[in-house]
Protein backbone atom coordinates (compact mmCIF):
# COMPACT_ATOMS: atom_id res chain seq x y z
CA MET A 1 92.27 212.00 -90.55
CA LEU A 2 95.53 212.69 -88.74
CA PHE A 3 97.19 210.21 -91.11
CA PHE A 4 96.13 212.36 -94.04
CA GLY A 5 97.74 215.37 -92.38
CA ILE A 6 101.01 213.48 -91.93
CA GLN A 7 100.82 212.22 -95.51
CA LYS A 8 100.22 215.77 -96.69
CA SER A 9 103.31 217.09 -94.92
CA VAL A 10 105.48 214.20 -96.13
CA TYR A 11 104.52 214.34 -99.79
CA SER A 12 103.47 218.03 -99.68
CA VAL A 13 100.95 217.64 -102.49
CA PRO A 14 100.38 221.11 -103.95
CA THR A 15 96.74 220.43 -104.77
CA PHE A 16 94.13 222.96 -103.72
CA GLU A 17 91.37 220.36 -103.82
CA TYR A 18 93.32 218.02 -101.56
CA SER A 19 94.02 220.70 -98.95
CA ARG A 20 90.38 221.78 -99.05
CA LEU A 21 89.28 218.18 -98.49
CA TYR A 22 91.64 217.88 -95.53
CA GLU A 23 90.38 221.16 -94.09
CA THR A 24 86.71 220.18 -94.30
CA ASP A 25 87.55 216.77 -92.82
CA PHE A 26 89.21 218.46 -89.86
CA LEU A 27 86.27 220.84 -89.39
CA THR A 28 83.85 217.91 -89.47
CA PHE A 29 85.91 216.16 -86.81
CA CYS A 30 85.86 219.29 -84.62
CA ASN A 31 82.11 219.65 -85.06
CA LEU A 32 81.56 216.00 -84.13
CA ALA A 33 83.70 216.36 -81.02
CA HIS A 34 81.87 219.52 -80.00
CA THR A 35 78.44 217.95 -80.63
CA SER A 36 79.26 214.79 -78.67
CA ARG A 37 80.52 216.93 -75.77
CA PHE A 38 77.25 218.89 -75.86
CA ILE A 39 75.22 215.65 -75.88
CA VAL A 40 77.18 214.34 -72.89
CA TYR A 41 76.56 217.64 -71.11
CA LEU A 42 72.83 217.39 -71.84
CA LEU A 43 72.68 213.80 -70.60
CA SER A 44 74.52 214.61 -67.38
CA SER A 45 72.26 217.58 -66.64
CA PHE A 46 69.22 215.42 -67.43
CA HIS A 47 70.41 212.80 -64.95
CA PHE A 48 70.87 215.56 -62.39
CA PHE A 49 67.20 216.52 -62.74
CA LEU A 50 66.09 212.90 -62.48
């Protein structure tokens, strides 16, 4: 994902579709990171109650 960003800056492809794809990919990555953090938080609080 980061590689695509570097590639984009190097070649600077002026394609709207390509930039949109990169943007959605980045948003998906952020959502995954946020969700995994939330799951870890839930698990830790669950262990606290156990």
